[in-house]
PDB file of N, CA and C in Angstrom:
ATOM      1  N   MET A   1    -123.546 211.698  38.698  1.00  0.00           N
ATOM      2  CA  MET A   1    -124.860 210.769  38.335  1.00  0.00           C
ATOM      3  C   MET A   1    -126.049 212.003  38.407  1.00  0.00           C
ATOM      4  N   ALA A   2    -126.718 211.766  37.152  1.00  0.00           N
ATOM      5  CA  ALA A   2    -128.073 212.957  37.045  1.00  0.00           C
ATOM      6  C   ALA A   2    -129.098 212.438  37.924  1.00  0.00           C
ATOM      7  N   GLY A   3    -129.807 213.520  38.362  1.00  0.00           N
ATOM      8  CA  GLY A   3    -130.815 213.088  39.331  1.00  0.00           C
ATOM      9  C   GLY A   3    -132.081 212.328  38.637  1.00  0.00           C
ATOM     10  N   TYR A   4    -132.228 212.227  37.452  1.00  0.00           N
ATOM     11  CA  TYR A   4    -133.066 211.850  36.709  1.00  0.00           C
ATOM     12  C   TYR A   4    -132.675 210.259  36.219  1.00  0.00           C
ATOM     13  N   SER A   5    -131.317 209.865  36.838  1.00  0.00           N
ATOM     14  CA  SER A   5    -131.072 208.608  35.807  1.00  0.00           C
ATOM     15  C   SER A   5    -131.757 207.528  36.563  1.00  0.00           C
ATOM     16  N   GLY A   6    -132.417 207.288  37.624  1.00  0.00           N
ATOM     17  CA  GLY A   6    -133.262 206.256  38.044  1.00  0.00           C
ATOM     18  C   GLY A   6    -134.445 206.256  37.068  1.00  0.00           C
ATOM     19  N   ARG A   7    -134.805 207.384  36.425  1.00  0.00           N
ATOM     20  CA  ARG A   7    -136.179 207.231  35.499  1.00  0.00           C
ATOM     21  C   ARG A   7    -135.873 207.547  34.300  1.00  0.00           C
ATOM     22  N   LYS A   8    -134.670 207.064  33.807  1.00  0.00           N
ATOM     23  CA  LYS A   8    -134.002 207.614  32.571  1.00  0.00           C
ATOM     24  C   LYS A   8    -135.019 206.974  31.477  1.00  0.00           C
ATOM     25  N   GLN A   9    -135.370 205.485  31.479  1.00  0.00           N
ATOM     26  CA  GLN A   9    -136.167 205.082  30.626  1.00  0.00           C
ATOM     27  C   GLN A   9    -137.616 205.651  30.606  1.00  0.00           C
ATOM     28  N   ALA A  10    -138.293 206.026  31.636  1.00  0.00           N
ATOM     29  CA  ALA A  10    -139.567 206.520  31.773  1.00  0.00           C
ATOM     30  C   ALA A  10    -139.471 207.880  31.080  1.00  0.00           C
ATOM     31  N   HIS A  11    -138.285 208.576  31.473  1.00  0.00           N
ATOM     32  CA  HIS A  11    -138.248 210.077  30.598  1.00  0.00           C
ATOM     33  C   HIS A  11    -137.820 209.870  29.130  1.00  0.00           C
ATOM     34  N   THR A  12    -137.385 208.981  28.610  1.00  0.00           N
ATOM     35  CA  THR A  12    -137.105 208.750  27.063  1.00  0.00           C
ATOM     36  C   THR A  12    -138.279 208.465  26.598  1.00  0.00           C
ATOM     37  N   ALA A  13    -138.857 207.649  27.262  1.00  0.00           N
ATOM     38  CA  ALA A  13    -140.574 207.192  26.593  1.00  0.00           C
ATOM     39  C   ALA A  13    -141.307 208.243  26.430  1.00  0.00           C
ATOM     40  N   ARG A  14    -141.377 209.000  27.502  1.00  0.00           N
ATOM     41  CA  ARG A  14    -141.992 210.299  27.502  1.00  0.00           C
ATOM     42  C   ARG A  14    -141.853 211.124  26.499  1.00  0.00           C
ATOM     43  N   LEU A  15    -140.378 211.337  26.347  1.00  0.00           N
ATOM     44  CA  LEU A  15    -139.997 212.580  25.261  1.00  0.00           C
ATOM     45  C   LEU A  15    -140.414 211.830  23.881  1.00  0.00           C
ATOM     46  N   ARG A  16    -140.336 210.689  23.553  1.00  0.00           N
ATOM     47  CA  ARG A  16    -140.536 209.826  22.519  1.00  0.00           C
ATOM     48  C   ARG A  16    -142.015 210.196  22.071  1.00  0.00           C
ATOM     49  N   ARG A  17    -142.909 210.167  22.941  1.00  0.00           N
ATOM     50  CA  ARG A  17    -144.665 210.427  23.072  1.00  0.00           C
ATOM     51  C   ARG A  17    -144.648 211.999  22.357  1.00  0.00           C
ATOM     52  N   ILE A  18    -143.817 212.974  23.161  1.00  0.00           N
ATOM     53  CA  ILE A  18    -143.917 214.222  22.604  1.00  0.00           C
ATOM     54  C   ILE A  18    -143.412 214.548  21.291  1.00  0.00           C
ATOM     55  N   GLU A  19    -142.124 213.657  20.897  1.00  0.00           N
ATOM     56  CA  GLU A  19    -141.586 213.812  19.488  1.00  0.00           C
ATOM     57  C   GLU A  19    -142.655 213.408  18.780  1.00  0.00           C
ATOM     58  N   GLY A  20    -143.613 212.345  18.917  1.00  0.00           N
ATOM     59  CA  GLY A  20    -144.518 212.067  17.929  1.00  0.00           C
ATOM     60  C   GLY A  20    -145.478 212.858  17.887  1.00  0.00           C
ATOM     61  N   GLN A  21    -146.055 213.730  19.139  1.00  0.00           N
ATOM     62  CA  GLN A  21    -146.814 214.679  18.969  1.00  0.00           C
ATOM     63  C   GLN A  21    -146.595 216.034  17.965  1.00  0.00           C
ATOM     64  N   VAL A  22    -145.219 216.305  18.287  1.00  0.00           N
ATOM     65  CA  VAL A  22    -144.473 217.170  17.091  1.00  0.00           C
ATOM     66  C   VAL A  22    -144.553 216.989  15.682  1.00  0.00           C
ATOM     67  N   ARG A  23    -144.105 215.440  15.519  1.00  0.00           N
ATOM     68  CA  ARG A  23    -144.153 214.876  13.919  1.00  0.00           C
ATOM     69  C   ARG A  23    -145.864 214.930  13.739  1.00  0.00           C
ATOM     70  N   GLY A  24    -146.771 214.749  14.461  1.00  0.00           N
ATOM     71  CA  GLY A  24    -147.931 214.862  14.271  1.00  0.00           C
ATOM     72  C   GLY A  24    -148.496 216.183  13.723  1.00  0.00           C
ATOM     73  N   LEU A  25    -148.046 217.059  14.288  1.00  0.00           N
ATOM     74  CA  LEU A  25    -147.925 218.703  14.121  1.00  0.00           C
ATOM     75  C   LEU A  25    -147.510 218.894  12.579  1.00  0.00           C
ATOM     76  N   GLN A  26    -146.496 218.369  12.273  1.00  0.00           N
ATOM     77  CA  GLN A  26    -145.931 218.449  10.952  1.00  0.00           C
ATOM     78  C   GLN A  26    -146.644 217.958   9.846  1.00  0.00           C
ATOM     79  N   ARG A  27    -147.434 216.572   9.971  1.00  0.00           N
ATOM     80  CA  ARG A  27    -148.079 216.273   9.228  1.00  0.00           C
ATOM     81  C   ARG A  27    -149.445 217.025   9.144  1.00  0.00           C
ATOM     82  N   MET A  28    -150.107 217.298  10.226  1.00  0.00           N
ATOM     83  CA  MET A  28    -151.244 218.336  10.175  1.00  0.00           C
ATOM     84  C   MET A  28    -151.127 219.596   9.120  1.00  0.00           C
ATOM     85  N   VAL A  29    -149.809 220.088   9.276  1.00  0.00           N
ATOM     86  CA  VAL A  29    -149.399 221.357   8.540  1.00  0.00           C
ATOM     87  C   VAL A  29    -149.429 220.922   7.142  1.00  0.00           C
ATOM     88  N   GLU A  30    -148.601 219.748   6.871  1.00  0.00           N
ATOM     89  CA  GLU A  30    -148.326 219.564   5.683  1.00  0.00           C
ATOM     90  C   GLU A  30    -149.668 218.997   4.783  1.00  0.00           C
ATOM     91  N   ASP A  31    -150.763 218.301   5.607  1.00  0.00           N
ATOM     92  CA  ASP A  31    -152.093 218.120   5.233  1.00  0.00           C
ATOM     93  C   ASP A  31    -153.050 219.314   5.085  1.00  0.00           C
ATOM     94  N   ASP A  32    -152.590 220.269   5.552  1.00  0.00           N
ATOM     95  CA  ASP A  32    -153.451 221.565   5.623  1.00  0.00           C
ATOM     96  C   ASP A  32    -154.807 221.322   6.368  1.00  0.00           C
ATOM     97  N   ALA A  33    -154.481 220.932   7.831  1.00  0.00           N
ATOM     98  CA  ALA A  33    -155.319 220.804   8.522  1.00  0.00           C
ATOM     99  C   ALA A  33    -155.854 221.973   9.245  1.00  0.00           C
ATOM    100  N   TYR A  34    -157.089 222.194   9.709  1.00  0.00           N
ATOM    101  CA  TYR A  34    -157.707 223.162   9.874  1.00  0.00           C
ATOM    102  C   TYR A  34    -156.794 223.962  11.144  1.00  0.00           C
ATOM    103  N   CYS A  35    -156.555 225.312  11.033  1.00  0.00           N
ATOM    104  CA  CYS A  35    -155.559 226.097  12.493  1.00  0.00           C
ATOM    105  C   CYS A  35    -155.886 225.794  13.422  1.00  0.00           C
ATOM    106  N   ILE A  36    -157.169 225.991  13.841  1.00  0.00           N
ATOM    107  CA  ILE A  36    -157.544 225.642  15.124  1.00  0.00           C
ATOM    108  C   ILE A  36    -157.109 224.106  15.750  1.00  0.00           C
ATOM    109  N   ASP A  37    -157.326 223.288  14.821  1.00  0.00           N
ATOM    110  CA  ASP A  37    -156.997 221.631  15.340  1.00  0.00           C
ATOM    111  C   ASP A  37    -155.287 221.880  15.457  1.00  0.00           C
ATOM    112  N   VAL A  38    -154.546 222.496  14.551  1.00  0.00           N
ATOM    113  CA  VAL A  38    -152.943 222.731  14.670  1.00  0.00           C
ATOM    114  C   VAL A  38    -152.860 223.333  16.031  1.00  0.00           C
ATOM    115  N   LEU A  39    -153.347 224.424  16.264  1.00  0.00           N
ATOM    116  CA  LEU A  39    -153.170 225.260  17.505  1.00  0.00           C
ATOM    117  C   LEU A  39    -153.546 224.621  18.884  1.00  0.00           C
ATOM    118  N   THR A  40    -154.757 223.580  18.636  1.00  0.00           N
ATOM    119  CA  THR A  40    -154.753 222.427  19.703  1.00  0.00           C
ATOM    120  C   THR A  40    -153.758 221.820  20.079  1.00  0.00           C
ATOM    121  N   GLN A  41    -153.236 221.048  19.074  1.00  0.00           N
ATOM    122  CA  GLN A  41    -152.223 220.026  19.160  1.00  0.00           C
ATOM    123  C   GLN A  41    -151.042 220.760  19.861  1.00  0.00           C
ATOM    124  N   VAL A  42    -150.700 221.940  19.407  1.00  0.00           N
ATOM    125  CA  VAL A  42    -149.390 222.716  19.780  1.00  0.00           C
ATOM    126  C   VAL A  42    -149.725 222.822  21.178  1.00  0.00           C
ATOM    127  N   SER A  43    -150.942 223.454  21.805  1.00  0.00           N
ATOM    128  CA  SER A  43    -151.079 223.588  22.884  1.00  0.00           C
ATOM    129  C   SER A  43    -150.778 222.126  23.809  1.00  0.00           C
ATOM    130  N   ALA A  44    -151.154 221.102  23.289  1.00  0.00           N
ATOM    131  CA  ALA A  44    -151.065 219.734  23.937  1.00  0.00           C
ATOM    132  C   ALA A  44    -149.742 219.454  24.114  1.00  0.00           C
ATOM    133  N   ALA A  45    -148.822 219.649  23.004  1.00  0.00           N
ATOM    134  CA  ALA A  45    -147.224 219.391  23.038  1.00  0.00           C
ATOM    135  C   ALA A  45    -146.584 220.370  23.763  1.00  0.00           C
ATOM    136  N   THR A  46    -146.900 221.770  23.806  1.00  0.00           N
ATOM    137  CA  THR A  46    -146.306 222.489  24.814  1.00  0.00           C
ATOM    138  C   THR A  46    -146.632 222.120  26.290  1.00  0.00           C
ATOM    139  N   SER A  47    -147.772 221.572  26.503  1.00  0.00           N
ATOM    140  CA  SER A  47    -148.202 221.196  27.916  1.00  0.00           C
ATOM    141  C   SER A  47    -147.329 220.037  28.145  1.00  0.00           C
ATOM    142  N   ALA A  48    -147.233 219.163  27.244  1.00  0.00           N
ATOM    143  CA  ALA A  48    -146.376 217.875  27.630  1.00  0.00           C
ATOM    144  C   ALA A  48    -145.039 218.176  27.923  1.00  0.00           C
ATOM    145  N   LEU A  49    -144.459 219.277  27.307  1.00  0.00           N
ATOM    146  CA  LEU A  49    -143.179 219.555  27.590  1.00  0.00           C
ATOM    147  C   LEU A  49    -142.800 220.556  28.651  1.00  0.00           C
ATOM    148  N   LYS A  50    -143.756 221.154  29.154  1.00  0.00           N
ATOM    149  CA  LYS A  50    -143.735 221.525  30.464  1.00  0.00           C
ATOM    150  C   LYS A  50    -143.875 220.887  31.688  1.00  0.00           C
ATOM    151  N   ALA A  51    -144.541 219.912  31.447  1.00  0.00           N
ATOM    152  CA  ALA A  51    -144.923 218.932  32.447  1.00  0.00           C
ATOM    153  C   ALA A  51    -143.585 218.186  32.640  1.00  0.00           C
ATOM    154  N   PHE A  52    -142.959 217.812  31.504  1.00  0.00           N
ATOM    155  CA  PHE A  52    -141.567 217.195  31.385  1.00  0.00           C
ATOM    156  C   PHE A  52    -140.705 217.864  32.275  1.00  0.00           C
ATOM    157  N   SER A  53    -140.701 219.024  31.822  1.00  0.00           N
ATOM    158  CA  SER A  53    -139.548 219.707  32.657  1.00  0.00           C
ATOM    159  C   SER A  53    -139.884 220.256  34.009  1.00  0.00           C
ATOM    160  N   LEU A  54    -141.361 220.336  34.565  1.00  0.00           N
ATOM    161  CA  LEU A  54    -141.461 220.252  35.880  1.00  0.00           C
ATOM    162  C   LEU A  54    -140.851 218.945  36.565  1.00  0.00           C
ATOM    163  N   SER A  55    -141.005 217.773  35.951  1.00  0.00           N
ATOM    164  CA  SER A  55    -140.736 216.553  36.453  1.00  0.00           C
ATOM    165  C   SER A  55    -139.327 216.619  36.791  1.00  0.00           C
ATOM    166  N   LEU A  56    -138.638 217.145  35.826  1.00  0.00           N
ATOM    167  CA  LEU A  56    -137.159 217.063  35.631  1.00  0.00           C
ATOM    168  C   LEU A  56    -136.466 218.047  36.648  1.00  0.00           C
ATOM    169  N   LEU A  57    -137.354 219.039  36.811  1.00  0.00           N
ATOM    170  CA  LEU A  57    -137.043 220.063  37.721  1.00  0.00           C
ATOM    171  C   LEU A  57    -136.871 219.591  39.316  1.00  0.00           C
ATOM    172  N   GLU A  58    -138.136 218.899  39.348  1.00  0.00           N
ATOM    173  CA  GLU A  58    -138.481 218.178  40.794  1.00  0.00           C
ATOM    174  C   GLU A  58    -137.422 217.300  41.021  1.00  0.00           C
ATOM    175  N   GLU A  59    -136.907 216.439  40.177  1.00  0.00           N
ATOM    176  CA  GLU A  59    -136.006 215.660  40.445  1.00  0.00           C
ATOM    177  C   GLU A  59    -134.456 216.206  40.882  1.00  0.00           C
ATOM    178  N   HIS A  60    -134.339 217.274  40.026  1.00  0.00           N
ATOM    179  CA  HIS A  60    -133.082 217.926  40.209  1.00  0.00           C
ATOM    180  C   HIS A  60    -132.862 218.479  41.663  1.00  0.00           C
ATOM    181  N   LEU A  61    -134.132 219.040  42.076  1.00  0.00           N
ATOM    182  CA  LEU A  61    -134.261 219.345  43.604  1.00  0.00           C
ATOM    183  C   LEU A  61    -133.977 218.443  44.924  1.00  0.00           C
ATOM    184  N   ALA A  62    -134.659 217.349  44.476  1.00  0.00           N
ATOM    185  CA  ALA A  62    -134.690 216.183  45.436  1.00  0.00           C
ATOM    186  C   ALA A  62    -133.362 215.523  45.228  1.00  0.00           C
ATOM    187  N   HIS A  63    -132.765 215.522  44.087  1.00  0.00           N
ATOM    188  CA  HIS A  63    -131.394 214.626  44.125  1.00  0.00           C
ATOM    189  C   HIS A  63    -130.305 215.849  44.199  1.00  0.00           C
ATOM    190  N   CYS A  64    -129.762 216.303  43.136  1.00  0.00           N
ATOM    191  CA  CYS A  64    -128.867 217.251  43.310  1.00  0.00           C
ATOM    192  C   CYS A  64    -128.631 218.561  43.985  1.00  0.00           C
ATOM    193  N   VAL A  65    -129.631 219.256  44.372  1.00  0.00           N
ATOM    194  CA  VAL A  65    -129.795 220.455  45.293  1.00  0.00           C
ATOM    195  C   VAL A  65    -129.614 220.220  46.739  1.00  0.00           C
ATOM    196  N   ALA A  66    -130.560 218.839  46.788  1.00  0.00           N
ATOM    197  CA  ALA A  66    -130.584 218.236  48.189  1.00  0.00           C
ATOM    198  C   ALA A  66    -129.137 217.691  48.672  1.00  0.00           C
ATOM    199  N   GLU A  67    -128.637 217.272  47.794  1.00  0.00           N
ATOM    200  CA  GLU A  67    -127.218 216.353  47.997  1.00  0.00           C
ATOM    201  C   GLU A  67    -125.896 217.687  48.310  1.00  0.00           C
ATOM    202  N   ALA A  68    -126.268 218.752  47.482  1.00  0.00           N
ATOM    203  CA  ALA A  68    -125.384 219.686  47.747  1.00  0.00           C
ATOM    204  C   ALA A  68    -125.568 220.990  48.983  1.00  0.00           C
ATOM    205  N   ALA A  69    -126.878 220.580  49.325  1.00  0.00           N
ATOM    206  CA  ALA A  69    -127.413 221.356  50.764  1.00  0.00           C
ATOM    207  C   ALA A  69    -126.901 220.487  51.902  1.00  0.00           C
ATOM    208  N   ARG A  70    -126.843 219.146  51.882  1.00  0.00           N
ATOM    209  CA  ARG A  70    -126.581 218.357  52.876  1.00  0.00           C
ATOM    210  C   ARG A  70    -125.065 218.803  53.093  1.00  0.00           C
ATOM    211  N   LYS A  71    -124.043 218.999  51.770  1.00  0.00           N
ATOM    212  CA  LYS A  71    -122.429 219.235  51.860  1.00  0.00           C
ATOM    213  C   LYS A  71    -122.488 220.798  52.467  1.00  0.00           C
ATOM    214  N   GLY A  72    -123.486 221.371  52.039  1.00  0.00           N
ATOM    215  CA  GLY A  72    -123.443 222.902  52.255  1.00  0.00           C
ATOM    216  C   GLY A  72    -122.109 223.477  51.523  1.00  0.00           C
ATOM    217  N   GLY A  73    -121.738 224.598  52.030  1.00  0.00           N
ATOM    218  CA  GLY A  73    -120.562 225.617  51.223  1.00  0.00           C
ATOM    219  C   GLY A  73    -120.813 226.245  50.234  1.00  0.00           C
ATOM    220  N   PRO A  74    -120.138 226.408  49.265  1.00  0.00           N
ATOM    221  CA  PRO A  74    -120.066 227.262  47.921  1.00  0.00           C
ATOM    222  C   PRO A  74    -121.006 226.333  46.992  1.00  0.00           C
ATOM    223  N   GLU A  75    -120.932 225.008  47.182  1.00  0.00           N
ATOM    224  CA  GLU A  75    -121.503 224.274  45.931  1.00  0.00           C
ATOM    225  C   GLU A  75    -123.040 224.182  46.530  1.00  0.00           C
ATOM    226  N   ALA A  76    -123.485 224.323  47.649  1.00  0.00           N
ATOM    227  CA  ALA A  76    -125.090 224.323  47.901  1.00  0.00           C
ATOM    228  C   ALA A  76    -125.276 225.843  47.297  1.00  0.00           C
ATOM    229  N   ASP A  77    -124.764 226.696  47.655  1.00  0.00           N
ATOM    230  CA  ASP A  77    -125.317 228.233  47.087  1.00  0.00           C
ATOM    231  C   ASP A  77    -125.234 227.935  45.567  1.00  0.00           C
ATOM    232  N   ALA A  78    -124.246 227.325  44.818  1.00  0.00           N
ATOM    233  CA  ALA A  78    -124.270 227.381  43.633  1.00  0.00           C
ATOM    234  C   ALA A  78    -125.312 226.459  43.007  1.00  0.00           C
ATOM    235  N   LYS A  79    -125.649 225.437  43.467  1.00  0.00           N
ATOM    236  CA  LYS A  79    -127.020 224.522  43.280  1.00  0.00           C
ATOM    237  C   LYS A  79    -128.078 225.560  43.403  1.00  0.00           C
ATOM    238  N   VAL A  80    -128.327 226.183  44.254  1.00  0.00           N
ATOM    239  CA  VAL A  80    -129.434 226.738  44.864  1.00  0.00           C
ATOM    240  C   VAL A  80    -129.607 227.896  43.815  1.00  0.00           C
ATOM    241  N   LYS A  81    -128.752 228.423  43.250  1.00  0.00           N
ATOM    242  CA  LYS A  81    -128.754 229.708  42.268  1.00  0.00           C
ATOM    243  C   LYS A  81    -129.269 229.025  41.243  1.00  0.00           C
ATOM    244  N   GLU A  82    -128.660 227.933  40.565  1.00  0.00           N
ATOM    245  CA  GLU A  82    -128.670 227.321  39.200  1.00  0.00           C
ATOM    246  C   GLU A  82    -130.053 226.889  39.202  1.00  0.00           C
ATOM    247  N   ALA A  83    -130.863 226.422  40.567  1.00  0.00           N
ATOM    248  CA  ALA A  83    -132.188 225.770  40.423  1.00  0.00           C
ATOM    249  C   ALA A  83    -133.013 227.166  40.246  1.00  0.00           C
ATOM    250  N   SER A  84    -132.747 228.215  41.083  1.00  0.00           N
ATOM    251  CA  SER A  84    -133.410 229.283  40.872  1.00  0.00           C
ATOM    252  C   SER A  84    -133.498 230.341  39.586  1.00  0.00           C
ATOM    253  N   GLU A  85    -132.167 229.982  38.657  1.00  0.00           N
ATOM    254  CA  GLU A  85    -132.414 230.681  37.279  1.00  0.00           C
ATOM    255  C   GLU A  85    -133.131 229.457  36.364  1.00  0.00           C
ATOM    256  N   ALA A  86    -133.040 228.218  37.003  1.00  0.00           N
ATOM    257  CA  ALA A  86    -133.964 227.101  35.843  1.00  0.00           C
ATOM    258  C   ALA A  86    -135.371 227.630  36.071  1.00  0.00           C
ATOM    259  N   ILE A  87    -135.851 227.786  37.414  1.00  0.00           N
ATOM    260  CA  ILE A  87    -137.163 228.089  37.723  1.00  0.00           C
ATOM    261  C   ILE A  87    -137.442 229.569  36.742  1.00  0.00           C
ATOM    262  N   ALA A  88    -136.818 230.279  37.013  1.00  0.00           N
ATOM    263  CA  ALA A  88    -137.004 231.554  36.440  1.00  0.00           C
ATOM    264  C   ALA A  88    -137.258 231.291  34.734  1.00  0.00           C
ATOM    265  N   ARG A  89    -136.670 230.796  34.408  1.00  0.00           N
ATOM    266  CA  ARG A  89    -136.526 230.388  32.770  1.00  0.00           C
ATOM    267  C   ARG A  89    -137.809 229.488  32.646  1.00  0.00           C
ATOM    268  N   LEU A  90    -138.304 228.888  33.452  1.00  0.00           N
ATOM    269  CA  LEU A  90    -139.640 227.930  32.927  1.00  0.00           C
ATOM    270  C   LEU A  90    -140.644 228.825  33.567  1.00  0.00           C
ATOM    271  N   VAL A  91    -140.785 229.824  34.257  1.00  0.00           N
ATOM    272  CA  VAL A  91    -141.790 230.814  34.543  1.00  0.00           C
ATOM    273  C   VAL A  91    -141.843 231.687  33.364  1.00  0.00           C
ATOM    274  N   ARG A  92    -140.531 232.201  32.558  1.00  0.00           N
ATOM    275  CA  ARG A  92    -140.576 232.867  31.715  1.00  0.00           C
ATOM    276  C   ARG A  92    -141.205 232.428  30.559  1.00  0.00           C
ATOM    277  N   SER A  93    -141.271 230.987  30.405  1.00  0.00           N
ATOM    278  CA  SER A  93    -141.479 230.521  29.116  1.00  0.00           C
ATOM    279  C   SER A  93    -143.035 230.040  28.954  1.00  0.00           C
TER     280      SER A  93
END
């Protein structure tokens, strides 16, 4: 079971809002909106995706990694390594 399962509905609603932001960007470009206005909306969409990813990461740590740590052994090591790699990807982006 995924760590975010309990909030699946909230997450899908949040992703729909982000999708709406991206569609809005497409309309802005199609309508020849001012560059700075488009860039402002790109920044907002990017921030929304980053906030979503941090929320998902927090749930992963609290559920999946914590559960593996309780069990210990190689699975715990693998989950911690996996989480570290995910954090590294988020920091680079």
